[in-house]
Every structure is written in C-alpha cells, then in structure tokens.
Amino acid sequence: MKRVKTGNLGKISLKNHIILCGYTRATKIVIDDLLKDKKNYGNIVLVTLREDPDISGVIYFSGDFSEAETLKNVSLQHAKRCVVFAEPRNGEDKKTTDLRTVLTVYNIKSDREYKRVHTISEINQSENANIIKEKMNGDELIRKEVIDANMISTCMRFPKISSIIYELLNTNGKRLKEKQLIDFKLKPGAKLRDVREKCIDDNNTVFGVLRDGGEPELTPNNNLILGENDKIIVIA
C-alpha cells in the first residue's frame, strides 16, 4: 500500500489503458469525465512527479513522463491513448513546460514500439505545437493560446455564442455522439444525405465526419459517400 500511495510501482502491466502525463486542473476535469464510465476504473494511469493525488479508480505512477524509461514502465506500448498535459514545475515559464511536452512526444513517436498509441498534446505556445505536428507527426494538438484567442474573436463577431460552444463541449450533457452507418441501418456506399435524413427523424444534426484513415471533415457535402468504418459525429 505504501508503494501504491507513493507511486513507486516499478512497472505497470496493463493493456488498452489510458495514460495521462501531468497533473493539472485540466487533468482533474478529464479524469472526472473518464470515471463516469465504470470501464475506465483501474484503467487510467496518471504519471506525474507531484504528490499522490489520491483519486479512486486511477493508478498513480510517480515519475518524469518526459523520460523514455518512465514511458516504458507504464506499458505505453500497450496503451490505446496517451495525453500529455502542459504541467508546469517549480514556477517555470511556458516555453520550458512546452519543451517537456515536445520531448515526451518525441520519445513516443520516435519509437516503433509505440506506433499504435494515439497522442493528444496540450501546448501553450503555437510555435511549439508546430514542432510536434510537422517534425514528429503528433496525432492531436490542443493549442491553448489559439483556442482562447479564437473564442474571444468569435464572441466579438457573434455576441453570446460562447454559451452555445460550451454547451456543445459539455461533457455532462454529452451533446456530441459518435455513430456509424450501421447505427442508421444504412450500408457502406450510402451518402451523407441519407444520414442527414435519418437524423431529422431523431432530432439530431450531423456535425462532421471522421474518415477512416483520413482527415476529419466539418459539415461535409451531402454527396459524400461513406464507408463502413467512417465515424459520423452528430449533435444529439
């Protein structure tokens, strides 16, 4: 129990788990949302050098997530997702925090053993995000300063729209749903128009499409032909 409390577990053997690197306010919100699904209990590994957060259902691992050995010890090669939060240490500046994130993503993407792991990186400054995207092929980037600036600019153009955006991202209401053609009783080769017609009956709206192996498309054309593994995001 002492080893569990201090995060000194040596090595963790898990498969299809979620690894969260860094403990911040954003981390807490993500953990709360993940734990709403009981299947995630005991399947979340939190890696940080901060003191034991003592969260029921989360495995605490004390270590520097920017070090390759730490990633190996939390069985990253078997994880399905790894999120790297912008965790500041000892009053360091944003650039230093971002450099730790960049190093972490580099250690993941440069190792063939971690090829299947989907990464999500939180970045403070846009120039650091470009390094991860262009040089390391990071999967997803959350640019904090860009999100803040774009939100303010959008609110200036459309007053009070922020409440709609927040409602869209609300994890409690779960407004965004993921569906596939089979959920609409449609076969591969169906057009997006067919999906939209089905959504009308259910009072849902098509938000976008995540193409199988391709780029996501926001409010795509009605004539878009959908495949069996394409994911249709709807506003429920």
C-alpha atoms as a PDB file:
ATOM      1  CA  MET A   1       0.000   0.000   0.000  1.00  0.00           C
ATOM      2  CA  LYS A   2       2.893   2.348   0.738  1.00  0.00           C
ATOM      3  CA  ARG A   3       4.264   1.782  -2.774  1.00  0.00           C
ATOM      4  CA  VAL A   4       0.830   2.466  -4.250  1.00  0.00           C
ATOM      5  CA  LYS A   5       0.424   5.681  -2.233  1.00  0.00           C
ATOM      6  CA  THR A   6       3.858   6.970  -3.259  1.00  0.00           C
ATOM      7  CA  GLY A   7       3.521   5.885  -6.868  1.00  0.00           C
ATOM      8  CA  ASN A   8       6.664   3.737  -6.714  1.00  0.00           C
ATOM      9  CA  LEU A   9       5.229   0.749  -8.553  1.00  0.00           C
ATOM     10  CA  GLY A  10       8.330  -0.172 -10.519  1.00  0.00           C
ATOM     11  CA  LYS A  11       6.461  -1.320 -13.617  1.00  0.00           C
ATOM     12  CA  ILE A  12       2.802  -1.475 -14.598  1.00  0.00           C
ATOM     13  CA  SER A  13       1.397  -4.260 -16.763  1.00  0.00           C
ATOM     14  CA  LEU A  14      -1.792  -3.133 -18.487  1.00  0.00           C
ATOM     15  CA  LYS A  15      -3.317  -3.258 -21.966  1.00  0.00           C
ATOM     16  CA  ASN A  16      -5.622  -0.816 -23.772  1.00  0.00           C
ATOM     17  CA  HIS A  17      -5.275   1.631 -20.901  1.00  0.00           C
ATOM     18  CA  ILE A  18      -5.193   5.433 -20.901  1.00  0.00           C
ATOM     19  CA  ILE A  19      -2.041   7.264 -19.821  1.00  0.00           C
ATOM     20  CA  LEU A  20      -2.313  10.837 -18.548  1.00  0.00           C
ATOM     21  CA  CYS A  21       1.026  12.654 -18.319  1.00  0.00           C
ATOM     22  CA  GLY A  22       0.964  15.592 -15.915  1.00  0.00           C
ATOM     23  CA  TYR A  23      -1.419  16.617 -13.142  1.00  0.00           C
ATOM     24  CA  THR A  24      -3.176  19.970 -13.655  1.00  0.00           C
ATOM     25  CA  ARG A  25      -6.674  21.395 -13.311  1.00  0.00           C
ATOM     26  CA  ALA A  26      -7.383  20.188 -16.835  1.00  0.00           C
ATOM     27  CA  THR A  27      -6.238  16.698 -15.843  1.00  0.00           C
ATOM     28  CA  LYS A  28      -8.748  16.640 -12.982  1.00  0.00           C
ATOM     29  CA  ILE A  29     -11.612  17.541 -15.332  1.00  0.00           C
ATOM     30  CA  VAL A  30     -10.597  14.844 -17.833  1.00  0.00           C
ATOM     31  CA  ILE A  31     -10.321  12.234 -15.055  1.00  0.00           C
ATOM     32  CA  ASP A  32     -13.775  13.130 -13.714  1.00  0.00           C
ATOM     33  CA  ASP A  33     -15.229  12.657 -17.196  1.00  0.00           C
ATOM     34  CA  LEU A  34     -13.419   9.356 -17.800  1.00  0.00           C
ATOM     35  CA  LEU A  35     -14.527   7.913 -14.472  1.00  0.00           C
ATOM     36  CA  LYS A  36     -18.175   8.401 -15.417  1.00  0.00           C
ATOM     37  CA  ASP A  37     -17.650   5.198 -17.388  1.00  0.00           C
ATOM     38  CA  LYS A  38     -17.038   2.345 -14.940  1.00  0.00           C
ATOM     39  CA  LYS A  39     -14.960   0.522 -17.563  1.00  0.00           C
ATOM     40  CA  ASN A  40     -12.227   3.111 -17.028  1.00  0.00           C
ATOM     41  CA  TYR A  41     -11.806   2.319 -13.320  1.00  0.00           C
ATOM     42  CA  GLY A  42      -8.318   0.915 -12.783  1.00  0.00           C
ATOM     43  CA  ASN A  43      -7.549   1.524 -16.447  1.00  0.00           C
ATOM     44  CA  ILE A  44      -6.200   5.079 -16.130  1.00  0.00           C
ATOM     45  CA  VAL A  45      -2.535   5.691 -15.295  1.00  0.00           C
ATOM     46  CA  LEU A  46      -1.570   9.160 -14.046  1.00  0.00           C
ATOM     47  CA  VAL A  47       2.154   9.914 -14.447  1.00  0.00           C
ATOM     48  CA  THR A  48       3.493  12.897 -12.515  1.00  0.00           C
ATOM     49  CA  LEU A  49       6.202  13.941 -10.063  1.00  0.00           C
ATOM     50  CA  ARG A  50       3.636  15.749  -7.945  1.00  0.00           C
ATOM     51  CA  GLU A  51       2.442  14.233  -4.685  1.00  0.00           C
ATOM     52  CA  ASP A  52      -0.164  11.472  -4.676  1.00  0.00           C
ATOM     53  CA  PRO A  53      -3.478  12.968  -5.857  1.00  0.00           C
ATOM     54  CA  ASP A  54      -5.286  10.008  -4.229  1.00  0.00           C
ATOM     55  CA  ILE A  55      -8.011   9.579  -6.850  1.00  0.00           C
ATOM     56  CA  SER A  56     -10.092   6.430  -6.570  1.00  0.00           C
ATOM     57  CA  GLY A  57     -10.045   4.426  -9.801  1.00  0.00           C
ATOM     58  CA  VAL A  58      -6.765   5.951 -11.040  1.00  0.00           C
ATOM     59  CA  ILE A  59      -3.328   4.320 -10.845  1.00  0.00           C
ATOM     60  CA  TYR A  60      -0.739   6.851  -9.677  1.00  0.00           C
ATOM     61  CA  PHE A  61       2.804   6.456 -11.053  1.00  0.00           C
ATOM     62  CA  SER A  62       5.500   8.782  -9.724  1.00  0.00           C
ATOM     63  CA  GLY A  63       7.950   9.639 -12.494  1.00  0.00           C
ATOM     64  CA  ASP A  64       9.135  12.109 -15.121  1.00  0.00           C
ATOM     65  CA  PHE A  65       6.969  11.396 -18.152  1.00  0.00           C
ATOM     66  CA  SER A  66       9.496  13.045 -20.482  1.00  0.00           C
ATOM     67  CA  GLU A  67      11.935  10.209 -19.791  1.00  0.00           C
ATOM     68  CA  ALA A  68      11.821   7.172 -22.078  1.00  0.00           C
ATOM     69  CA  GLU A  69      12.249   4.741 -19.170  1.00  0.00           C
ATOM     70  CA  THR A  70       9.160   6.101 -17.415  1.00  0.00           C
ATOM     71  CA  LEU A  71       7.031   5.619 -20.551  1.00  0.00           C
ATOM     72  CA  LYS A  72       8.287   2.060 -20.804  1.00  0.00           C
ATOM     73  CA  ASN A  73       7.421   1.344 -17.171  1.00  0.00           C
ATOM     74  CA  VAL A  74       3.764   2.339 -17.662  1.00  0.00           C
ATOM     75  CA  SER A  75       3.420  -0.085 -20.621  1.00  0.00           C
ATOM     76  CA  LEU A  76       2.978   2.672 -23.178  1.00  0.00           C
ATOM     77  CA  GLN A  77       3.377   0.147 -25.990  1.00  0.00           C
ATOM     78  CA  HIS A  78       0.072  -1.447 -24.934  1.00  0.00           C
ATOM     79  CA  ALA A  79      -1.829   1.795 -24.236  1.00  0.00           C
ATOM     80  CA  LYS A  80      -4.595   2.981 -26.553  1.00  0.00           C
ATOM     81  CA  ARG A  81      -4.186   6.666 -25.777  1.00  0.00           C
ATOM     82  CA  CYS A  82      -1.647   8.989 -24.168  1.00  0.00           C
ATOM     83  CA  VAL A  83      -2.459  12.570 -23.190  1.00  0.00           C
ATOM     84  CA  VAL A  84       0.400  14.963 -22.378  1.00  0.00           C
ATOM     85  CA  PHE A  85      -0.770  17.920 -20.300  1.00  0.00           C
ATOM     86  CA  ALA A  86       1.097  21.232 -20.016  1.00  0.00           C
ATOM     87  CA  GLU A  87       2.193  20.664 -16.420  1.00  0.00           C
ATOM     88  CA  PRO A  88       4.405  23.497 -15.075  1.00  0.00           C
ATOM     89  CA  ARG A  89       7.032  22.690 -12.445  1.00  0.00           C
ATOM     90  CA  ASN A  90       8.547  24.971  -9.812  1.00  0.00           C
ATOM     91  CA  GLY A  91       7.353  28.220 -11.377  1.00  0.00           C
ATOM     92  CA  GLU A  92       8.950  27.553 -14.777  1.00  0.00           C
ATOM     93  CA  ASP A  93       7.859  29.559 -17.829  1.00  0.00           C
ATOM     94  CA  LYS A  94       5.507  28.306 -20.547  1.00  0.00           C
ATOM     95  CA  LYS A  95       8.333  27.672 -23.009  1.00  0.00           C
ATOM     96  CA  THR A  96      10.067  25.258 -20.635  1.00  0.00           C
ATOM     97  CA  THR A  97       6.785  23.455 -19.970  1.00  0.00           C
ATOM     98  CA  ASP A  98       6.203  23.107 -23.711  1.00  0.00           C
ATOM     99  CA  LEU A  99       9.712  21.767 -24.283  1.00  0.00           C
ATOM    100  CA  ARG A 100       8.948  18.935 -21.856  1.00  0.00           C
ATOM    101  CA  THR A 101       5.819  18.128 -23.854  1.00  0.00           C
ATOM    102  CA  VAL A 102       7.803  18.204 -27.105  1.00  0.00           C
ATOM    103  CA  LEU A 103      10.408  15.821 -25.647  1.00  0.00           C
ATOM    104  CA  THR A 104       7.693  13.457 -24.432  1.00  0.00           C
ATOM    105  CA  VAL A 105       6.016  13.299 -27.842  1.00  0.00           C
ATOM    106  CA  TYR A 106       9.418  12.811 -29.470  1.00  0.00           C
ATOM    107  CA  ASN A 107      10.136   9.818 -27.221  1.00  0.00           C
ATOM    108  CA  ILE A 108       6.784   8.327 -28.212  1.00  0.00           C
ATOM    109  CA  LYS A 109       6.819   8.963 -31.948  1.00  0.00           C
ATOM    110  CA  SER A 110      10.472   8.035 -32.466  1.00  0.00           C
ATOM    111  CA  ASP A 111       9.967   4.550 -31.020  1.00  0.00           C
ATOM    112  CA  ARG A 112       8.357   1.984 -33.351  1.00  0.00           C
ATOM    113  CA  GLU A 113       7.086   0.089 -30.326  1.00  0.00           C
ATOM    114  CA  TYR A 114       4.646   2.930 -29.615  1.00  0.00           C
ATOM    115  CA  LYS A 115       3.390   3.290 -33.193  1.00  0.00           C
ATOM    116  CA  ARG A 116      -0.234   2.402 -32.396  1.00  0.00           C
ATOM    117  CA  VAL A 117      -0.554   4.818 -29.458  1.00  0.00           C
ATOM    118  CA  HIS A 118      -2.768   7.843 -30.159  1.00  0.00           C
ATOM    119  CA  THR A 119      -1.284  11.026 -28.634  1.00  0.00           C
ATOM    120  CA  ILE A 120      -3.019  14.210 -27.532  1.00  0.00           C
ATOM    121  CA  SER A 121      -0.727  17.085 -26.554  1.00  0.00           C
ATOM    122  CA  GLU A 122      -1.594  20.287 -24.712  1.00  0.00           C
ATOM    123  CA  ILE A 123       0.625  23.189 -25.808  1.00  0.00           C
ATOM    124  CA  ASN A 124       0.870  26.756 -24.508  1.00  0.00           C
ATOM    125  CA  GLN A 125       2.573  28.437 -27.491  1.00  0.00           C
ATOM    126  CA  SER A 126       1.765  27.835 -31.152  1.00  0.00           C
ATOM    127  CA  GLU A 127       5.378  27.625 -32.369  1.00  0.00           C
ATOM    128  CA  ASN A 128       5.932  24.627 -30.116  1.00  0.00           C
ATOM    129  CA  ALA A 129       2.782  22.998 -31.458  1.00  0.00           C
ATOM    130  CA  ASN A 130       4.176  23.268 -34.988  1.00  0.00           C
ATOM    131  CA  ILE A 131       7.263  21.313 -33.945  1.00  0.00           C
ATOM    132  CA  ILE A 132       5.127  18.426 -32.712  1.00  0.00           C
ATOM    133  CA  LYS A 133       2.840  18.437 -35.743  1.00  0.00           C
ATOM    134  CA  GLU A 134       5.385  18.922 -38.524  1.00  0.00           C
ATOM    135  CA  LYS A 135       8.527  17.274 -37.139  1.00  0.00           C
ATOM    136  CA  MET A 136       7.121  14.458 -35.023  1.00  0.00           C
ATOM    137  CA  ASN A 137       3.726  13.657 -36.576  1.00  0.00           C
ATOM    138  CA  GLY A 138       1.875  14.081 -33.293  1.00  0.00           C
ATOM    139  CA  ASP A 139      -1.737  12.945 -33.611  1.00  0.00           C
ATOM    140  CA  GLU A 140      -3.697  15.733 -31.930  1.00  0.00           C
ATOM    141  CA  LEU A 141      -2.726  19.133 -30.542  1.00  0.00           C
ATOM    142  CA  ILE A 142      -4.603  21.396 -28.186  1.00  0.00           C
ATOM    143  CA  ARG A 143      -3.230  24.918 -28.686  1.00  0.00           C
ATOM    144  CA  LYS A 144      -4.282  26.790 -25.557  1.00  0.00           C
ATOM    145  CA  GLU A 145      -3.477  30.324 -26.727  1.00  0.00           C
ATOM    146  CA  VAL A 146      -5.135  29.758 -30.122  1.00  0.00           C
ATOM    147  CA  ILE A 147      -8.309  28.394 -28.538  1.00  0.00           C
ATOM    148  CA  ASP A 148      -8.538  31.378 -26.173  1.00  0.00           C
ATOM    149  CA  ALA A 149      -7.900  33.921 -28.938  1.00  0.00           C
ATOM    150  CA  ASN A 150     -10.314  32.316 -31.402  1.00  0.00           C
ATOM    151  CA  MET A 151     -13.016  32.085 -28.757  1.00  0.00           C
ATOM    152  CA  ILE A 152     -12.726  35.797 -27.985  1.00  0.00           C
ATOM    153  CA  SER A 153     -12.715  36.785 -31.681  1.00  0.00           C
ATOM    154  CA  THR A 154     -15.765  34.618 -32.350  1.00  0.00           C
ATOM    155  CA  CYS A 155     -17.640  36.131 -29.404  1.00  0.00           C
ATOM    156  CA  MET A 156     -16.896  39.612 -30.749  1.00  0.00           C
ATOM    157  CA  ARG A 157     -18.459  38.649 -34.083  1.00  0.00           C
ATOM    158  CA  PHE A 158     -21.364  36.708 -32.573  1.00  0.00           C
ATOM    159  CA  PRO A 159     -22.249  38.027 -29.090  1.00  0.00           C
ATOM    160  CA  LYS A 160     -23.311  35.353 -26.546  1.00  0.00           C
ATOM    161  CA  ILE A 161     -22.276  32.476 -28.823  1.00  0.00           C
ATOM    162  CA  SER A 162     -19.867  31.270 -26.127  1.00  0.00           C
ATOM    163  CA  SER A 163     -22.756  29.630 -24.248  1.00  0.00           C
ATOM    164  CA  ILE A 164     -23.584  27.566 -27.361  1.00  0.00           C
ATOM    165  CA  ILE A 165     -19.961  26.486 -27.787  1.00  0.00           C
ATOM    166  CA  TYR A 166     -19.653  25.499 -24.132  1.00  0.00           C
ATOM    167  CA  GLU A 167     -22.891  23.538 -24.368  1.00  0.00           C
ATOM    168  CA  LEU A 168     -21.518  21.717 -27.409  1.00  0.00           C
ATOM    169  CA  LEU A 169     -18.412  20.685 -25.441  1.00  0.00           C
ATOM    170  CA  ASN A 170     -20.317  19.955 -22.246  1.00  0.00           C
ATOM    171  CA  THR A 171     -19.191  16.537 -21.010  1.00  0.00           C
ATOM    172  CA  ASN A 172     -22.148  16.232 -18.631  1.00  0.00           C
ATOM    173  CA  GLY A 173     -24.769  16.516 -21.341  1.00  0.00           C
ATOM    174  CA  LYS A 174     -22.649  14.630 -23.882  1.00  0.00           C
ATOM    175  CA  ARG A 175     -24.087  16.573 -26.806  1.00  0.00           C
ATOM    176  CA  LEU A 176     -21.635  15.095 -29.325  1.00  0.00           C
ATOM    177  CA  LYS A 177     -22.283  11.461 -30.237  1.00  0.00           C
ATOM    178  CA  GLU A 178     -20.293   9.098 -32.450  1.00  0.00           C
ATOM    179  CA  LYS A 179     -22.211   6.882 -34.856  1.00  0.00           C
ATOM    180  CA  GLN A 180     -21.576   4.676 -37.905  1.00  0.00           C
ATOM    181  CA  LEU A 181     -23.704   3.684 -40.886  1.00  0.00           C
ATOM    182  CA  ILE A 182     -24.916   0.544 -39.123  1.00  0.00           C
ATOM    183  CA  ASP A 183     -26.490   2.748 -36.422  1.00  0.00           C
ATOM    184  CA  PHE A 184     -28.670   4.324 -39.109  1.00  0.00           C
ATOM    185  CA  LYS A 185     -29.424   0.943 -40.724  1.00  0.00           C
ATOM    186  CA  LEU A 186     -27.511   2.024 -43.800  1.00  0.00           C
ATOM    187  CA  LYS A 187     -24.966   0.084 -45.856  1.00  0.00           C
ATOM    188  CA  PRO A 188     -21.455   1.155 -46.973  1.00  0.00           C
ATOM    189  CA  GLY A 189     -21.693   3.388 -50.018  1.00  0.00           C
ATOM    190  CA  ALA A 190     -24.596   5.403 -48.616  1.00  0.00           C
ATOM    191  CA  LYS A 191     -24.404   9.180 -48.998  1.00  0.00           C
ATOM    192  CA  LEU A 192     -24.307  11.689 -46.181  1.00  0.00           C
ATOM    193  CA  ARG A 193     -27.686  12.940 -47.420  1.00  0.00           C
ATOM    194  CA  ASP A 194     -29.181   9.588 -46.345  1.00  0.00           C
ATOM    195  CA  VAL A 195     -27.696  10.011 -42.864  1.00  0.00           C
ATOM    196  CA  ARG A 196     -28.993  13.563 -42.539  1.00  0.00           C
ATOM    197  CA  GLU A 197     -32.497  12.393 -43.437  1.00  0.00           C
ATOM    198  CA  LYS A 198     -32.320   9.767 -40.704  1.00  0.00           C
ATOM    199  CA  CYS A 199     -31.099  12.390 -38.227  1.00  0.00           C
ATOM    200  CA  ILE A 200     -34.085  14.628 -38.904  1.00  0.00           C
ATOM    201  CA  ASP A 201     -36.404  11.936 -37.558  1.00  0.00           C
ATOM    202  CA  ASP A 202     -34.308  11.725 -34.350  1.00  0.00           C
ATOM    203  CA  ASN A 203     -33.925  15.499 -33.933  1.00  0.00           C
ATOM    204  CA  ASN A 204     -30.151  15.179 -34.393  1.00  0.00           C
ATOM    205  CA  THR A 205     -27.773  17.206 -36.569  1.00  0.00           C
ATOM    206  CA  VAL A 206     -24.688  15.977 -38.432  1.00  0.00           C
ATOM    207  CA  PHE A 207     -21.677  17.897 -37.118  1.00  0.00           C
ATOM    208  CA  GLY A 208     -18.864  16.248 -39.069  1.00  0.00           C
ATOM    209  CA  VAL A 209     -17.306  13.032 -40.305  1.00  0.00           C
ATOM    210  CA  LEU A 210     -14.109  11.308 -39.201  1.00  0.00           C
ATOM    211  CA  ARG A 211     -12.983   9.453 -42.301  1.00  0.00           C
ATOM    212  CA  ASP A 212     -11.399   6.042 -41.787  1.00  0.00           C
ATOM    213  CA  GLY A 213      -7.667   6.734 -42.102  1.00  0.00           C
ATOM    214  CA  GLY A 214      -8.239  10.265 -43.396  1.00  0.00           C
ATOM    215  CA  GLU A 215      -8.751  13.830 -42.254  1.00  0.00           C
ATOM    216  CA  PRO A 216     -11.898  14.909 -40.362  1.00  0.00           C
ATOM    217  CA  GLU A 217     -14.493  16.883 -42.318  1.00  0.00           C
ATOM    218  CA  LEU A 218     -16.718  19.553 -40.769  1.00  0.00           C
ATOM    219  CA  THR A 219     -20.275  19.826 -42.163  1.00  0.00           C
ATOM    220  CA  PRO A 220     -19.361  17.806 -45.287  1.00  0.00           C
ATOM    221  CA  ASN A 221     -21.189  17.790 -48.627  1.00  0.00           C
ATOM    222  CA  ASN A 222     -24.453  15.835 -48.931  1.00  0.00           C
ATOM    223  CA  ASN A 223     -22.983  13.735 -51.745  1.00  0.00           C
ATOM    224  CA  LEU A 224     -20.108  12.429 -49.601  1.00  0.00           C
ATOM    225  CA  ILE A 225     -20.024   8.636 -49.889  1.00  0.00           C
ATOM    226  CA  LEU A 226     -19.480   6.928 -46.546  1.00  0.00           C
ATOM    227  CA  GLY A 227     -17.607   3.751 -45.739  1.00  0.00           C
ATOM    228  CA  GLU A 228     -18.300   1.099 -43.117  1.00  0.00           C
ATOM    229  CA  ASN A 229     -15.671   2.420 -40.681  1.00  0.00           C
ATOM    230  CA  ASP A 230     -16.312   6.141 -41.133  1.00  0.00           C
ATOM    231  CA  LYS A 231     -17.428   7.820 -37.909  1.00  0.00           C
ATOM    232  CA  ILE A 232     -20.300  10.273 -38.076  1.00  0.00           C
ATOM    233  CA  ILE A 233     -20.348  12.898 -35.317  1.00  0.00           C
ATOM    234  CA  VAL A 234     -23.825  14.191 -34.537  1.00  0.00           C
ATOM    235  CA  ILE A 235     -25.184  16.818 -32.177  1.00  0.00           C
ATOM    236  CA  ALA A 236     -27.774  14.997 -30.112  1.00  0.00           C
END
